[in-house]
């Protein structure tokens, strides 16, 4: 993962130790020249996913989500400080600190795309925050492909949609933390345009503690 996201490739030494290299952390618009200064962030954190529907998934689907490298936006290399500041918070509680509208639009698009890819729900505050962001992101498009996992049903939908329209289609869930959320409302996505599918430490599906909020 870190090698793939490098702007300038690092050298790989014994034990897969990385030296050199250069990365761009878009959350805080910062250049990073050491892999030790980076974290690989789940765009939608594991605990947020758990509250948004993953608690009802099979172990295989949770493992696939935790290690999803089949979508360009599910995992992102960012500065350790920005990832830890974000923790397990959704866009109603945290947004990238970079002042650029472009950064915040990108974040809203990637968050919504990840939730749609995995059929994850959104609470009212989260949905309102995304809708507010979408007002200034009218030229952005949310593109996603439903996640396909063996022995688990795929997400529905898929395609490329205007930012505001697709955000409005997110499934609404109760805001209460720890709720094993089921959708209260699910809008049907229509006129979908077919899209093609676009190393981090493996998180075992049995590592449930990593999913639940503390």
C-alpha atoms as a PDB file:
ATOM      1  CA  UNK A   1       0.000   0.000   0.000  1.00  0.00           C
ATOM      2  CA  UNK A   2       2.718   2.506   0.970  1.00  0.00           C
ATOM      3  CA  UNK A   3       4.817   1.531  -2.044  1.00  0.00           C
ATOM      4  CA  UNK A   4       1.845   1.910  -4.378  1.00  0.00           C
ATOM      5  CA  UNK A   5       0.913   5.358  -3.010  1.00  0.00           C
ATOM      6  CA  UNK A   6       4.447   6.759  -3.070  1.00  0.00           C
ATOM      7  CA  UNK A   7       5.025   9.721  -5.382  1.00  0.00           C
ATOM      8  CA  UNK A   8       8.713   8.827  -5.347  1.00  0.00           C
ATOM      9  CA  UNK A   9       9.251   5.111  -4.736  1.00  0.00           C
ATOM     10  CA  UNK A  10      11.175   4.078  -1.591  1.00  0.00           C
ATOM     11  CA  UNK A  11      13.869   1.450  -1.511  1.00  0.00           C
ATOM     12  CA  UNK A  12      12.828  -1.889  -0.041  1.00  0.00           C
ATOM     13  CA  UNK A  13      15.365  -3.416   2.325  1.00  0.00           C
ATOM     14  CA  UNK A  14      15.605  -6.499   4.493  1.00  0.00           C
ATOM     15  CA  UNK A  15      12.376  -7.388   6.256  1.00  0.00           C
ATOM     16  CA  UNK A  16      10.487  -5.094   3.851  1.00  0.00           C
ATOM     17  CA  UNK A  17      11.934  -2.039   5.574  1.00  0.00           C
ATOM     18  CA  UNK A  18      11.357   1.103   3.494  1.00  0.00           C
ATOM     19  CA  UNK A  19      13.957   3.832   3.155  1.00  0.00           C
ATOM     20  CA  UNK A  20      13.627   7.042   1.223  1.00  0.00           C
ATOM     21  CA  UNK A  21      10.548   7.737  -0.815  1.00  0.00           C
ATOM     22  CA  UNK A  22       8.103  10.628  -0.865  1.00  0.00           C
ATOM     23  CA  UNK A  23       4.350  10.687  -0.177  1.00  0.00           C
ATOM     24  CA  UNK A  24       1.618  13.316  -0.354  1.00  0.00           C
ATOM     25  CA  UNK A  25      -0.835  13.337   2.569  1.00  0.00           C
ATOM     26  CA  UNK A  26      -3.875  15.071   1.123  1.00  0.00           C
ATOM     27  CA  UNK A  27      -5.725  15.396   4.444  1.00  0.00           C
ATOM     28  CA  UNK A  28      -3.286  18.068   5.600  1.00  0.00           C
ATOM     29  CA  UNK A  29      -1.537  18.812   2.287  1.00  0.00           C
ATOM     30  CA  UNK A  30       1.815  17.682   3.619  1.00  0.00           C
ATOM     31  CA  UNK A  31       4.805  16.001   1.980  1.00  0.00           C
ATOM     32  CA  UNK A  32       6.147  13.028   3.929  1.00  0.00           C
ATOM     33  CA  UNK A  33       9.649  11.675   3.328  1.00  0.00           C
ATOM     34  CA  UNK A  34       9.665   8.783   5.782  1.00  0.00           C
ATOM     35  CA  UNK A  35       7.269   5.831   5.824  1.00  0.00           C
ATOM     36  CA  UNK A  36       7.355   5.933   9.623  1.00  0.00           C
ATOM     37  CA  UNK A  37       5.454   9.228   9.498  1.00  0.00           C
ATOM     38  CA  UNK A  38       2.517   7.653   7.688  1.00  0.00           C
ATOM     39  CA  UNK A  39      -0.588   5.700   8.668  1.00  0.00           C
ATOM     40  CA  UNK A  40      -2.852   3.809   6.292  1.00  0.00           C
ATOM     41  CA  UNK A  41      -6.306   5.180   7.041  1.00  0.00           C
ATOM     42  CA  UNK A  42      -9.600   3.389   6.429  1.00  0.00           C
ATOM     43  CA  UNK A  43     -11.633   6.066   4.661  1.00  0.00           C
ATOM     44  CA  UNK A  44     -14.641   4.876   6.695  1.00  0.00           C
ATOM     45  CA  UNK A  45     -13.098   3.701   9.989  1.00  0.00           C
ATOM     46  CA  UNK A  46     -13.724   0.170  11.201  1.00  0.00           C
ATOM     47  CA  UNK A  47     -15.748   1.303  14.215  1.00  0.00           C
ATOM     48  CA  UNK A  48     -17.877   3.594  12.036  1.00  0.00           C
ATOM     49  CA  UNK A  49     -18.442   0.712   9.619  1.00  0.00           C
ATOM     50  CA  UNK A  50     -19.452  -1.524  12.539  1.00  0.00           C
ATOM     51  CA  UNK A  51     -22.082   0.992  13.643  1.00  0.00           C
ATOM     52  CA  UNK A  52     -23.248   1.456  10.050  1.00  0.00           C
ATOM     53  CA  UNK A  53     -24.079  -2.169   9.295  1.00  0.00           C
ATOM     54  CA  UNK A  54     -20.855  -4.200   9.419  1.00  0.00           C
ATOM     55  CA  UNK A  55     -21.869  -5.674  12.769  1.00  0.00           C
ATOM     56  CA  UNK A  56     -24.304  -7.873  10.826  1.00  0.00           C
ATOM     57  CA  UNK A  57     -21.745  -9.023   8.247  1.00  0.00           C
ATOM     58  CA  UNK A  58     -20.057 -12.381   7.958  1.00  0.00           C
ATOM     59  CA  UNK A  59     -16.435 -12.612   9.177  1.00  0.00           C
ATOM     60  CA  UNK A  60     -15.334 -12.977   5.546  1.00  0.00           C
ATOM     61  CA  UNK A  61     -16.994  -9.708   4.556  1.00  0.00           C
ATOM     62  CA  UNK A  62     -15.506  -7.833   7.524  1.00  0.00           C
ATOM     63  CA  UNK A  63     -12.052  -9.130   6.645  1.00  0.00           C
ATOM     64  CA  UNK A  64     -12.513  -8.095   3.016  1.00  0.00           C
ATOM     65  CA  UNK A  65     -13.588  -4.617   4.105  1.00  0.00           C
ATOM     66  CA  UNK A  66     -10.636  -4.187   6.448  1.00  0.00           C
ATOM     67  CA  UNK A  67      -8.203  -5.046   3.655  1.00  0.00           C
ATOM     68  CA  UNK A  68     -10.016  -3.578   0.646  1.00  0.00           C
ATOM     69  CA  UNK A  69      -7.366  -2.797  -1.945  1.00  0.00           C
ATOM     70  CA  UNK A  70      -9.720  -3.276  -4.895  1.00  0.00           C
ATOM     71  CA  UNK A  71     -10.960   0.327  -4.692  1.00  0.00           C
ATOM     72  CA  UNK A  72      -8.589   3.269  -4.952  1.00  0.00           C
ATOM     73  CA  UNK A  73     -10.243   5.193  -2.132  1.00  0.00           C
ATOM     74  CA  UNK A  74     -10.993   2.628   0.596  1.00  0.00           C
ATOM     75  CA  UNK A  75      -7.513   2.969   2.098  1.00  0.00           C
ATOM     76  CA  UNK A  76      -5.328   6.070   1.975  1.00  0.00           C
ATOM     77  CA  UNK A  77      -1.812   6.849   3.199  1.00  0.00           C
ATOM     78  CA  UNK A  78      -1.813  10.035   5.294  1.00  0.00           C
ATOM     79  CA  UNK A  79       0.244  11.577   8.060  1.00  0.00           C
ATOM     80  CA  UNK A  80       0.003   9.671  11.315  1.00  0.00           C
ATOM     81  CA  UNK A  81      -1.104  12.818  13.140  1.00  0.00           C
ATOM     82  CA  UNK A  82      -4.049  13.457  10.793  1.00  0.00           C
ATOM     83  CA  UNK A  83      -5.170   9.826  10.939  1.00  0.00           C
ATOM     84  CA  UNK A  84      -5.059   9.810  14.731  1.00  0.00           C
ATOM     85  CA  UNK A  85      -6.903  13.116  14.902  1.00  0.00           C
ATOM     86  CA  UNK A  86      -9.645  11.611  12.752  1.00  0.00           C
ATOM     87  CA  UNK A  87      -9.820   8.392  14.818  1.00  0.00           C
ATOM     88  CA  UNK A  88     -13.263   6.802  14.222  1.00  0.00           C
ATOM     89  CA  UNK A  89     -15.171  10.037  13.597  1.00  0.00           C
ATOM     90  CA  UNK A  90     -17.502  10.684  10.669  1.00  0.00           C
ATOM     91  CA  UNK A  91     -17.707  13.928   8.596  1.00  0.00           C
ATOM     92  CA  UNK A  92     -20.097  15.513  11.089  1.00  0.00           C
ATOM     93  CA  UNK A  93     -17.328  15.262  13.691  1.00  0.00           C
ATOM     94  CA  UNK A  94     -14.119  15.585  11.679  1.00  0.00           C
ATOM     95  CA  UNK A  95     -12.949  16.838   8.301  1.00  0.00           C
ATOM     96  CA  UNK A  96      -9.443  17.078   6.863  1.00  0.00           C
ATOM     97  CA  UNK A  97      -7.634  20.100   8.364  1.00  0.00           C
ATOM     98  CA  UNK A  98      -6.437  21.395   4.983  1.00  0.00           C
ATOM     99  CA  UNK A  99      -8.407  24.603   4.210  1.00  0.00           C
ATOM    100  CA  UNK A 100      -8.809  23.736   0.533  1.00  0.00           C
ATOM    101  CA  UNK A 101     -12.344  23.167  -0.797  1.00  0.00           C
ATOM    102  CA  UNK A 102     -10.823  20.661  -3.207  1.00  0.00           C
ATOM    103  CA  UNK A 103      -9.586  18.543  -0.303  1.00  0.00           C
ATOM    104  CA  UNK A 104     -12.949  18.568   1.456  1.00  0.00           C
ATOM    105  CA  UNK A 105     -14.819  17.748  -1.744  1.00  0.00           C
ATOM    106  CA  UNK A 106     -12.482  14.856  -2.408  1.00  0.00           C
ATOM    107  CA  UNK A 107     -12.999  13.607   1.141  1.00  0.00           C
ATOM    108  CA  UNK A 108     -16.807  13.817   0.876  1.00  0.00           C
ATOM    109  CA  UNK A 109     -16.781  11.986  -2.462  1.00  0.00           C
ATOM    110  CA  UNK A 110     -14.487   9.226  -1.207  1.00  0.00           C
ATOM    111  CA  UNK A 111     -16.441   8.809   2.055  1.00  0.00           C
ATOM    112  CA  UNK A 112     -19.775   8.549   0.210  1.00  0.00           C
ATOM    113  CA  UNK A 113     -18.301   6.198  -2.397  1.00  0.00           C
ATOM    114  CA  UNK A 114     -16.929   3.873   0.273  1.00  0.00           C
ATOM    115  CA  UNK A 115     -20.240   3.765   2.136  1.00  0.00           C
ATOM    116  CA  UNK A 116     -22.095   3.009  -1.079  1.00  0.00           C
ATOM    117  CA  UNK A 117     -19.553   0.407  -2.186  1.00  0.00           C
ATOM    118  CA  UNK A 118     -20.184  -1.553   1.015  1.00  0.00           C
ATOM    119  CA  UNK A 119     -23.883  -0.649   1.516  1.00  0.00           C
ATOM    120  CA  UNK A 120     -23.144   1.103   4.791  1.00  0.00           C
ATOM    121  CA  UNK A 121     -25.699   3.436   6.371  1.00  0.00           C
ATOM    122  CA  UNK A 122     -25.316   7.060   7.518  1.00  0.00           C
ATOM    123  CA  UNK A 123     -26.814   8.792  10.547  1.00  0.00           C
ATOM    124  CA  UNK A 124     -28.687  12.110  10.274  1.00  0.00           C
ATOM    125  CA  UNK A 125     -25.796  14.342  11.394  1.00  0.00           C
ATOM    126  CA  UNK A 126     -23.377  12.601   9.044  1.00  0.00           C
ATOM    127  CA  UNK A 127     -25.777  12.867   6.116  1.00  0.00           C
ATOM    128  CA  UNK A 128     -26.397  16.570   6.815  1.00  0.00           C
ATOM    129  CA  UNK A 129     -22.644  17.226   6.907  1.00  0.00           C
ATOM    130  CA  UNK A 130     -22.157  15.454   3.575  1.00  0.00           C
ATOM    131  CA  UNK A 131     -25.042  17.343   2.001  1.00  0.00           C
ATOM    132  CA  UNK A 132     -23.561  20.666   3.174  1.00  0.00           C
ATOM    133  CA  UNK A 133     -20.225  19.714   1.655  1.00  0.00           C
ATOM    134  CA  UNK A 134     -21.897  18.647  -1.592  1.00  0.00           C
ATOM    135  CA  UNK A 135     -23.278  22.153  -2.131  1.00  0.00           C
ATOM    136  CA  UNK A 136     -19.760  23.321  -2.950  1.00  0.00           C
ATOM    137  CA  UNK A 137     -18.831  20.185  -4.893  1.00  0.00           C
ATOM    138  CA  UNK A 138     -21.268  20.364  -7.791  1.00  0.00           C
ATOM    139  CA  UNK A 139     -18.620  19.425 -10.345  1.00  0.00           C
ATOM    140  CA  UNK A 140     -17.557  16.302  -8.429  1.00  0.00           C
ATOM    141  CA  UNK A 141     -18.710  12.788  -9.253  1.00  0.00           C
ATOM    142  CA  UNK A 142     -19.004   9.842  -6.880  1.00  0.00           C
ATOM    143  CA  UNK A 143     -17.879   6.673  -8.646  1.00  0.00           C
ATOM    144  CA  UNK A 144     -17.975   3.280  -6.963  1.00  0.00           C
ATOM    145  CA  UNK A 145     -18.178  -0.414  -7.715  1.00  0.00           C
ATOM    146  CA  UNK A 146     -20.114  -2.705  -5.353  1.00  0.00           C
ATOM    147  CA  UNK A 147     -17.856  -4.874  -3.210  1.00  0.00           C
ATOM    148  CA  UNK A 148     -17.837  -8.530  -4.210  1.00  0.00           C
ATOM    149  CA  UNK A 149     -16.975 -11.000  -1.472  1.00  0.00           C
ATOM    150  CA  UNK A 150     -17.058 -14.783  -1.721  1.00  0.00           C
ATOM    151  CA  UNK A 151     -19.998 -16.374   0.094  1.00  0.00           C
ATOM    152  CA  UNK A 152     -21.425 -12.942   0.910  1.00  0.00           C
ATOM    153  CA  UNK A 153     -24.072 -10.967  -1.006  1.00  0.00           C
ATOM    154  CA  UNK A 154     -22.656  -8.051  -3.030  1.00  0.00           C
ATOM    155  CA  UNK A 155     -23.664  -4.475  -2.445  1.00  0.00           C
ATOM    156  CA  UNK A 156     -26.313  -3.187  -4.823  1.00  0.00           C
ATOM    157  CA  UNK A 157     -26.032  -0.401  -7.357  1.00  0.00           C
ATOM    158  CA  UNK A 158     -22.732   0.828  -8.698  1.00  0.00           C
ATOM    159  CA  UNK A 159     -21.915   3.566 -11.161  1.00  0.00           C
ATOM    160  CA  UNK A 160     -20.991   7.230 -11.443  1.00  0.00           C
ATOM    161  CA  UNK A 161     -23.292   9.897 -10.014  1.00  0.00           C
ATOM    162  CA  UNK A 162     -23.332  13.657  -9.309  1.00  0.00           C
ATOM    163  CA  UNK A 163     -22.051  14.265  -5.796  1.00  0.00           C
ATOM    164  CA  UNK A 164     -25.195  15.806  -4.267  1.00  0.00           C
ATOM    165  CA  UNK A 165     -27.542  13.236  -5.776  1.00  0.00           C
ATOM    166  CA  UNK A 166     -25.632  10.188  -4.637  1.00  0.00           C
ATOM    167  CA  UNK A 167     -25.096  11.534  -1.117  1.00  0.00           C
ATOM    168  CA  UNK A 168     -28.845  11.976  -0.797  1.00  0.00           C
ATOM    169  CA  UNK A 169     -29.248   8.271  -1.579  1.00  0.00           C
ATOM    170  CA  UNK A 170     -27.240   7.042   1.405  1.00  0.00           C
ATOM    171  CA  UNK A 171     -29.188   4.833   3.739  1.00  0.00           C
ATOM    172  CA  UNK A 172     -30.194   6.550   6.997  1.00  0.00           C
ATOM    173  CA  UNK A 173     -29.366   4.878  10.299  1.00  0.00           C
ATOM    174  CA  UNK A 174     -29.947   5.850  13.949  1.00  0.00           C
ATOM    175  CA  UNK A 175     -27.225   8.072  15.404  1.00  0.00           C
ATOM    176  CA  UNK A 176     -26.845   6.131  18.670  1.00  0.00           C
ATOM    177  CA  UNK A 177     -23.306   4.821  19.083  1.00  0.00           C
ATOM    178  CA  UNK A 178     -22.923   1.081  19.238  1.00  0.00           C
ATOM    179  CA  UNK A 179     -26.259   0.516  17.523  1.00  0.00           C
ATOM    180  CA  UNK A 180     -26.189  -2.559  15.287  1.00  0.00           C
ATOM    181  CA  UNK A 181     -27.630  -0.430  12.551  1.00  0.00           C
ATOM    182  CA  UNK A 182     -30.172  -1.519  10.006  1.00  0.00           C
ATOM    183  CA  UNK A 183     -31.380   0.873   7.332  1.00  0.00           C
ATOM    184  CA  UNK A 184     -34.426   2.917   8.254  1.00  0.00           C
ATOM    185  CA  UNK A 185     -34.698   4.234   4.693  1.00  0.00           C
ATOM    186  CA  UNK A 186     -33.079   3.142   1.465  1.00  0.00           C
ATOM    187  CA  UNK A 187     -33.438   5.178  -1.701  1.00  0.00           C
ATOM    188  CA  UNK A 188     -33.339   3.249  -4.948  1.00  0.00           C
ATOM    189  CA  UNK A 189     -30.485   4.314  -7.215  1.00  0.00           C
ATOM    190  CA  UNK A 190     -31.562   4.761 -10.827  1.00  0.00           C
ATOM    191  CA  UNK A 191     -29.837   5.450 -14.167  1.00  0.00           C
ATOM    192  CA  UNK A 192     -26.612   3.861 -12.965  1.00  0.00           C
ATOM    193  CA  UNK A 193     -23.713   4.089 -15.399  1.00  0.00           C
ATOM    194  CA  UNK A 194     -21.670   0.885 -15.394  1.00  0.00           C
ATOM    195  CA  UNK A 195     -18.084   1.426 -14.221  1.00  0.00           C
ATOM    196  CA  UNK A 196     -15.063  -0.834 -14.267  1.00  0.00           C
ATOM    197  CA  UNK A 197     -13.344  -1.813 -11.065  1.00  0.00           C
ATOM    198  CA  UNK A 198     -10.580   0.222 -10.539  1.00  0.00           C
ATOM    199  CA  UNK A 199       0.788  -3.655   1.329  1.00  0.00           C
ATOM    200  CA  UNK A 200      -0.836  -3.010   4.466  1.00  0.00           C
ATOM    201  CA  UNK A 201      -0.937  -5.188   7.525  1.00  0.00           C
ATOM    202  CA  UNK A 202      -3.714  -7.746   7.240  1.00  0.00           C
ATOM    203  CA  UNK A 203      -6.416  -7.343   9.877  1.00  0.00           C
ATOM    204  CA  UNK A 204      -7.804 -10.722  10.826  1.00  0.00           C
ATOM    205  CA  UNK A 205     -11.576 -11.096  10.668  1.00  0.00           C
ATOM    206  CA  UNK A 206     -11.511 -12.366  14.246  1.00  0.00           C
ATOM    207  CA  UNK A 207     -10.076  -9.045  15.491  1.00  0.00           C
ATOM    208  CA  UNK A 208     -13.502  -7.737  16.465  1.00  0.00           C
ATOM    209  CA  UNK A 209     -12.048  -5.357  19.043  1.00  0.00           C
ATOM    210  CA  UNK A 210     -10.653  -3.237  16.217  1.00  0.00           C
ATOM    211  CA  UNK A 211     -14.162  -2.661  14.904  1.00  0.00           C
ATOM    212  CA  UNK A 212     -16.021  -1.659  18.033  1.00  0.00           C
ATOM    213  CA  UNK A 213     -15.882   1.788  19.516  1.00  0.00           C
ATOM    214  CA  UNK A 214     -14.152   2.108  22.824  1.00  0.00           C
END
